[in-house]
Amino acid sequence: MISSGIVDRVRKEVGNLKYEYFLPFDDKETVLLIDRWKSEEALDIHHKSEMMKEIANLRNKYQ
């Protein structure tokens, strides 16, 4: 997500207030994403974007 530039692109989307990943020290298999949006509408637009297809492909690839 980071090296592909998707994270930077999400952070630049209209309505995005926060998009951060956190990794626990004791569990290398877990990633916590905290994202915050100005409105439900902004989040809905993000979920319908072409970028979500890229995100889904990466999730499938790395499970």
PDB file of N, CA and C in Angstrom:
ATOM      1  N   MET A   1       0.813  -1.188   0.000  1.00  0.00           N
ATOM      2  CA  MET A   1       0.000   0.000   0.000  1.00  0.00           C
ATOM      3  C   MET A   1       0.858   1.254   0.000  1.00  0.00           C
ATOM      4  N   ILE A   2       1.917   1.217   0.768  1.00  0.00           N
ATOM      5  CA  ILE A   2       2.779   2.394   0.855  1.00  0.00           C
ATOM      6  C   ILE A   2       3.654   2.506  -0.386  1.00  0.00           C
ATOM      7  N   SER A   3       4.344   1.426  -0.722  1.00  0.00           N
ATOM      8  CA  SER A   3       5.283   1.489  -1.851  1.00  0.00           C
ATOM      9  C   SER A   3       4.568   1.677  -3.188  1.00  0.00           C
ATOM     10  N   SER A   4       3.314   1.263  -3.275  1.00  0.00           N
ATOM     11  CA  SER A   4       2.572   1.436  -4.529  1.00  0.00           C
ATOM     12  C   SER A   4       2.020   2.850  -4.682  1.00  0.00           C
ATOM     13  N   GLY A   5       2.077   3.638  -3.604  1.00  0.00           N
ATOM     14  CA  GLY A   5       1.581   5.009  -3.658  1.00  0.00           C
ATOM     15  C   GLY A   5       0.107   5.157  -3.307  1.00  0.00           C
ATOM     16  N   ILE A   6      -0.554   4.035  -3.026  1.00  0.00           N
ATOM     17  CA  ILE A   6      -1.983   4.099  -2.727  1.00  0.00           C
ATOM     18  C   ILE A   6      -2.244   4.901  -1.461  1.00  0.00           C
ATOM     19  N   VAL A   7      -1.434   4.699  -0.436  1.00  0.00           N
ATOM     20  CA  VAL A   7      -1.642   5.418   0.827  1.00  0.00           C
ATOM     21  C   VAL A   7      -1.603   6.928   0.599  1.00  0.00           C
ATOM     22  N   ASP A   8      -0.631   7.401  -0.126  1.00  0.00           N
ATOM     23  CA  ASP A   8      -0.550   8.846  -0.409  1.00  0.00           C
ATOM     24  C   ASP A   8      -1.765   9.330  -1.188  1.00  0.00           C
ATOM     25  N   ARG A   9      -2.222   8.519  -2.127  1.00  0.00           N
ATOM     26  CA  ARG A   9      -3.390   8.909  -2.919  1.00  0.00           C
ATOM     27  C   ARG A   9      -4.654   8.951  -2.069  1.00  0.00           C
ATOM     28  N   VAL A  10      -4.821   7.984  -1.165  1.00  0.00           N
ATOM     29  CA  VAL A  10      -5.991   7.998  -0.281  1.00  0.00           C
ATOM     30  C   VAL A  10      -5.947   9.233   0.598  1.00  0.00           C
ATOM     31  N   ARG A  11      -4.789   9.543   1.142  1.00  0.00           N
ATOM     32  CA  ARG A  11      -4.663  10.706   2.029  1.00  0.00           C
ATOM     33  C   ARG A  11      -4.988  12.014   1.312  1.00  0.00           C
ATOM     34  N   LYS A  12      -4.848  12.050  -0.002  1.00  0.00           N
ATOM     35  CA  LYS A  12      -5.133  13.258  -0.777  1.00  0.00           C
ATOM     36  C   LYS A  12      -6.581  13.340  -1.250  1.00  0.00           C
ATOM     37  N   GLU A  13      -7.349  12.275  -1.002  1.00  0.00           N
ATOM     38  CA  GLU A  13      -8.741  12.294  -1.442  1.00  0.00           C
ATOM     39  C   GLU A  13      -9.532  13.339  -0.664  1.00  0.00           C
ATOM     40  N   VAL A  14     -10.483  13.944  -1.344  1.00  0.00           N
ATOM     41  CA  VAL A  14     -11.358  14.920  -0.710  1.00  0.00           C
ATOM     42  C   VAL A  14     -12.121  14.230   0.424  1.00  0.00           C
ATOM     43  N   GLY A  15     -12.048  14.808   1.603  1.00  0.00           N
ATOM     44  CA  GLY A  15     -12.774  14.275   2.745  1.00  0.00           C
ATOM     45  C   GLY A  15     -11.970  13.366   3.642  1.00  0.00           C
ATOM     46  N   ASN A  16     -10.761  12.975   3.226  1.00  0.00           N
ATOM     47  CA  ASN A  16      -9.944  12.122   4.090  1.00  0.00           C
ATOM     48  C   ASN A  16      -9.280  12.973   5.163  1.00  0.00           C
ATOM     49  N   LEU A  17      -9.458  12.561   6.407  1.00  0.00           N
ATOM     50  CA  LEU A  17      -8.869  13.270   7.533  1.00  0.00           C
ATOM     51  C   LEU A  17      -7.709  12.509   8.149  1.00  0.00           C
ATOM     52  N   LYS A  18      -7.710  11.176   8.012  1.00  0.00           N
ATOM     53  CA  LYS A  18      -6.640  10.363   8.594  1.00  0.00           C
ATOM     54  C   LYS A  18      -6.635   9.008   7.902  1.00  0.00           C
ATOM     55  N   TYR A  19      -5.434   8.502   7.629  1.00  0.00           N
ATOM     56  CA  TYR A  19      -5.271   7.178   7.045  1.00  0.00           C
ATOM     57  C   TYR A  19      -3.917   6.672   7.512  1.00  0.00           C
ATOM     58  N   GLU A  20      -3.911   5.883   8.584  1.00  0.00           N
ATOM     59  CA  GLU A  20      -2.663   5.456   9.222  1.00  0.00           C
ATOM     60  C   GLU A  20      -2.681   3.956   9.506  1.00  0.00           C
ATOM     61  N   TYR A  21      -1.538   3.317   9.303  1.00  0.00           N
ATOM     62  CA  TYR A  21      -1.361   1.910   9.635  1.00  0.00           C
ATOM     63  C   TYR A  21      -0.531   1.779  10.898  1.00  0.00           C
ATOM     64  N   PHE A  22      -0.882   0.775  11.702  1.00  0.00           N
ATOM     65  CA  PHE A  22      -0.142   0.477  12.921  1.00  0.00           C
ATOM     66  C   PHE A  22       0.155  -1.013  12.957  1.00  0.00           C
ATOM     67  N   LEU A  23       1.366  -1.340  13.393  1.00  0.00           N
ATOM     68  CA  LEU A  23       1.798  -2.734  13.484  1.00  0.00           C
ATOM     69  C   LEU A  23       2.127  -3.057  14.938  1.00  0.00           C
ATOM     70  N   PRO A  24       1.496  -4.091  15.515  1.00  0.00           N
ATOM     71  CA  PRO A  24       1.823  -4.454  16.885  1.00  0.00           C
ATOM     72  C   PRO A  24       3.236  -5.052  16.969  1.00  0.00           C
ATOM     73  N   PHE A  25       3.880  -4.846  18.093  1.00  0.00           N
ATOM     74  CA  PHE A  25       5.228  -5.375  18.296  1.00  0.00           C
ATOM     75  C   PHE A  25       5.242  -6.895  18.365  1.00  0.00           C
ATOM     76  N   ASP A  26       4.196  -7.485  18.902  1.00  0.00           N
ATOM     77  CA  ASP A  26       4.217  -8.916  19.177  1.00  0.00           C
ATOM     78  C   ASP A  26       3.410  -9.768  18.198  1.00  0.00           C
ATOM     79  N   ASP A  27       2.936  -9.195  17.118  1.00  0.00           N
ATOM     80  CA  ASP A  27       2.149  -9.957  16.145  1.00  0.00           C
ATOM     81  C   ASP A  27       2.440  -9.430  14.746  1.00  0.00           C
ATOM     82  N   LYS A  28       3.330 -10.080  14.060  1.00  0.00           N
ATOM     83  CA  LYS A  28       3.762  -9.617  12.733  1.00  0.00           C
ATOM     84  C   LYS A  28       2.726  -9.891  11.642  1.00  0.00           C
ATOM     85  N   GLU A  29       1.648 -10.606  11.970  1.00  0.00           N
ATOM     86  CA  GLU A  29       0.605 -10.934  11.000  1.00  0.00           C
ATOM     87  C   GLU A  29      -0.571  -9.965  11.050  1.00  0.00           C
ATOM     88  N   THR A  30      -0.526  -9.007  11.956  1.00  0.00           N
ATOM     89  CA  THR A  30      -1.657  -8.096  12.142  1.00  0.00           C
ATOM     90  C   THR A  30      -1.283  -6.685  11.719  1.00  0.00           C
ATOM     91  N   VAL A  31      -2.221  -6.037  11.046  1.00  0.00           N
ATOM     92  CA  VAL A  31      -2.082  -4.634  10.672  1.00  0.00           C
ATOM     93  C   VAL A  31      -3.380  -3.941  11.062  1.00  0.00           C
ATOM     94  N   LEU A  32      -3.265  -2.831  11.747  1.00  0.00           N
ATOM     95  CA  LEU A  32      -4.435  -2.048  12.132  1.00  0.00           C
ATOM     96  C   LEU A  32      -4.470  -0.794  11.267  1.00  0.00           C
ATOM     97  N   LEU A  33      -5.582  -0.564  10.612  1.00  0.00           N
ATOM     98  CA  LEU A  33      -5.783   0.644   9.814  1.00  0.00           C
ATOM     99  C   LEU A  33      -6.783   1.529  10.535  1.00  0.00           C
ATOM    100  N   ILE A  34      -6.405   2.768  10.747  1.00  0.00           N
ATOM    101  CA  ILE A  34      -7.332   3.762  11.274  1.00  0.00           C
ATOM    102  C   ILE A  34      -7.495   4.823  10.197  1.00  0.00           C
ATOM    103  N   ASP A  35      -8.723   4.930   9.711  1.00  0.00           N
ATOM    104  CA  ASP A  35      -9.002   5.979   8.737  1.00  0.00           C
ATOM    105  C   ASP A  35     -10.193   6.785   9.228  1.00  0.00           C
ATOM    106  N   ARG A  36     -10.159   8.054   8.924  1.00  0.00           N
ATOM    107  CA  ARG A  36     -11.208   8.980   9.348  1.00  0.00           C
ATOM    108  C   ARG A  36     -11.590   9.831   8.142  1.00  0.00           C
ATOM    109  N   TRP A  37     -12.897  10.032   7.984  1.00  0.00           N
ATOM    110  CA  TRP A  37     -13.415  10.759   6.839  1.00  0.00           C
ATOM    111  C   TRP A  37     -14.321  11.878   7.306  1.00  0.00           C
ATOM    112  N   LYS A  38     -14.366  12.937   6.537  1.00  0.00           N
ATOM    113  CA  LYS A  38     -15.156  14.117   6.884  1.00  0.00           C
ATOM    114  C   LYS A  38     -16.643  13.783   6.965  1.00  0.00           C
ATOM    115  N   SER A  39     -17.088  12.861   6.111  1.00  0.00           N
ATOM    116  CA  SER A  39     -18.505  12.506   6.080  1.00  0.00           C
ATOM    117  C   SER A  39     -18.669  11.082   5.552  1.00  0.00           C
ATOM    118  N   GLU A  40     -19.840  10.541   5.771  1.00  0.00           N
ATOM    119  CA  GLU A  40     -20.170   9.219   5.229  1.00  0.00           C
ATOM    120  C   GLU A  40     -20.139   9.260   3.706  1.00  0.00           C
ATOM    121  N   GLU A  41     -20.538  10.380   3.136  1.00  0.00           N
ATOM    122  CA  GLU A  41     -20.518  10.541   1.679  1.00  0.00           C
ATOM    123  C   GLU A  41     -19.091  10.449   1.131  1.00  0.00           C
ATOM    124  N   ALA A  42     -18.140  11.085   1.800  1.00  0.00           N
ATOM    125  CA  ALA A  42     -16.739  11.027   1.359  1.00  0.00           C
ATOM    126  C   ALA A  42     -16.223   9.595   1.413  1.00  0.00           C
ATOM    127  N   LEU A  43     -16.591   8.877   2.462  1.00  0.00           N
ATOM    128  CA  LEU A  43     -16.176   7.473   2.585  1.00  0.00           C
ATOM    129  C   LEU A  43     -16.826   6.624   1.495  1.00  0.00           C
ATOM    130  N   ASP A  44     -18.093   6.865   1.225  1.00  0.00           N
ATOM    131  CA  ASP A  44     -18.785   6.129   0.163  1.00  0.00           C
ATOM    132  C   ASP A  44     -18.118   6.351  -1.193  1.00  0.00           C
ATOM    133  N   ILE A  45     -17.728   7.574  -1.473  1.00  0.00           N
ATOM    134  CA  ILE A  45     -17.045   7.888  -2.733  1.00  0.00           C
ATOM    135  C   ILE A  45     -15.716   7.138  -2.801  1.00  0.00           C
ATOM    136  N   HIS A  46     -14.988   7.111  -1.692  1.00  0.00           N
ATOM    137  CA  HIS A  46     -13.728   6.363  -1.639  1.00  0.00           C
ATOM    138  C   HIS A  46     -13.974   4.878  -1.908  1.00  0.00           C
ATOM    139  N   HIS A  47     -14.999   4.312  -1.284  1.00  0.00           N
ATOM    140  CA  HIS A  47     -15.280   2.884  -1.458  1.00  0.00           C
ATOM    141  C   HIS A  47     -15.686   2.538  -2.885  1.00  0.00           C
ATOM    142  N   LYS A  48     -16.200   3.492  -3.629  1.00  0.00           N
ATOM    143  CA  LYS A  48     -16.615   3.256  -5.010  1.00  0.00           C
ATOM    144  C   LYS A  48     -15.519   3.608  -6.023  1.00  0.00           C
ATOM    145  N   SER A  49     -14.379   4.063  -5.551  1.00  0.00           N
ATOM    146  CA  SER A  49     -13.318   4.525  -6.446  1.00  0.00           C
ATOM    147  C   SER A  49     -12.562   3.357  -7.081  1.00  0.00           C
ATOM    148  N   GLU A  50     -11.900   3.652  -8.165  1.00  0.00           N
ATOM    149  CA  GLU A  50     -11.050   2.662  -8.833  1.00  0.00           C
ATOM    150  C   GLU A  50      -9.919   2.201  -7.908  1.00  0.00           C
ATOM    151  N   MET A  51      -9.514   3.075  -7.012  1.00  0.00           N
ATOM    152  CA  MET A  51      -8.442   2.752  -6.083  1.00  0.00           C
ATOM    153  C   MET A  51      -8.819   1.554  -5.204  1.00  0.00           C
ATOM    154  N   MET A  52     -10.095   1.400  -4.887  1.00  0.00           N
ATOM    155  CA  MET A  52     -10.527   0.277  -4.058  1.00  0.00           C
ATOM    156  C   MET A  52     -10.271  -1.054  -4.756  1.00  0.00           C
ATOM    157  N   LYS A  53     -10.315  -1.071  -6.083  1.00  0.00           N
ATOM    158  CA  LYS A  53      -9.976  -2.295  -6.821  1.00  0.00           C
ATOM    159  C   LYS A  53      -8.501  -2.629  -6.620  1.00  0.00           C
ATOM    160  N   GLU A  54      -7.655  -1.611  -6.643  1.00  0.00           N
ATOM    161  CA  GLU A  54      -6.228  -1.818  -6.401  1.00  0.00           C
ATOM    162  C   GLU A  54      -5.995  -2.340  -4.983  1.00  0.00           C
ATOM    163  N   ILE A  55      -6.696  -1.763  -4.025  1.00  0.00           N
ATOM    164  CA  ILE A  55      -6.567  -2.184  -2.634  1.00  0.00           C
ATOM    165  C   ILE A  55      -7.025  -3.633  -2.485  1.00  0.00           C
ATOM    166  N   ALA A  56      -8.151  -3.974  -3.092  1.00  0.00           N
ATOM    167  CA  ALA A  56      -8.663  -5.347  -3.029  1.00  0.00           C
ATOM    168  C   ALA A  56      -7.678  -6.330  -3.648  1.00  0.00           C
ATOM    169  N   ASN A  57      -7.068  -5.949  -4.758  1.00  0.00           N
ATOM    170  CA  ASN A  57      -6.070  -6.824  -5.388  1.00  0.00           C
ATOM    171  C   ASN A  57      -4.880  -7.066  -4.471  1.00  0.00           C
ATOM    172  N   LEU A  58      -4.427  -6.021  -3.786  1.00  0.00           N
ATOM    173  CA  LEU A  58      -3.312  -6.194  -2.845  1.00  0.00           C
ATOM    174  C   LEU A  58      -3.714  -7.059  -1.660  1.00  0.00           C
ATOM    175  N   ARG A  59      -4.932  -6.867  -1.154  1.00  0.00           N
ATOM    176  CA  ARG A  59      -5.407  -7.718  -0.050  1.00  0.00           C
ATOM    177  C   ARG A  59      -5.440  -9.177  -0.467  1.00  0.00           C
ATOM    178  N   ASN A  60      -5.940  -9.448  -1.661  1.00  0.00           N
ATOM    179  CA  ASN A  60      -5.978 -10.815  -2.157  1.00  0.00           C
ATOM    180  C   ASN A  60      -4.584 -11.380  -2.334  1.00  0.00           C
ATOM    181  N   LYS A  61      -3.694 -10.587  -2.851  1.00  0.00           N
ATOM    182  CA  LYS A  61      -2.322 -11.036  -3.096  1.00  0.00           C
ATOM    183  C   LYS A  61      -1.602 -11.411  -1.807  1.00  0.00           C
ATOM    184  N   TYR A  62      -1.757 -10.592  -0.778  1.00  0.00           N
ATOM    185  CA  TYR A  62      -1.007 -10.783   0.468  1.00  0.00           C
ATOM    186  C   TYR A  62      -1.833 -11.372   1.603  1.00  0.00           C
ATOM    187  N   GLN A  63      -3.116 -11.562   1.367  1.00  0.00           N
ATOM    188  CA  GLN A  63      -4.039 -12.147   2.341  1.00  0.00           C
ATOM    189  C   GLN A  63      -3.848 -11.569   3.716  1.00  0.00           C
TER     190      GLN A  63
END
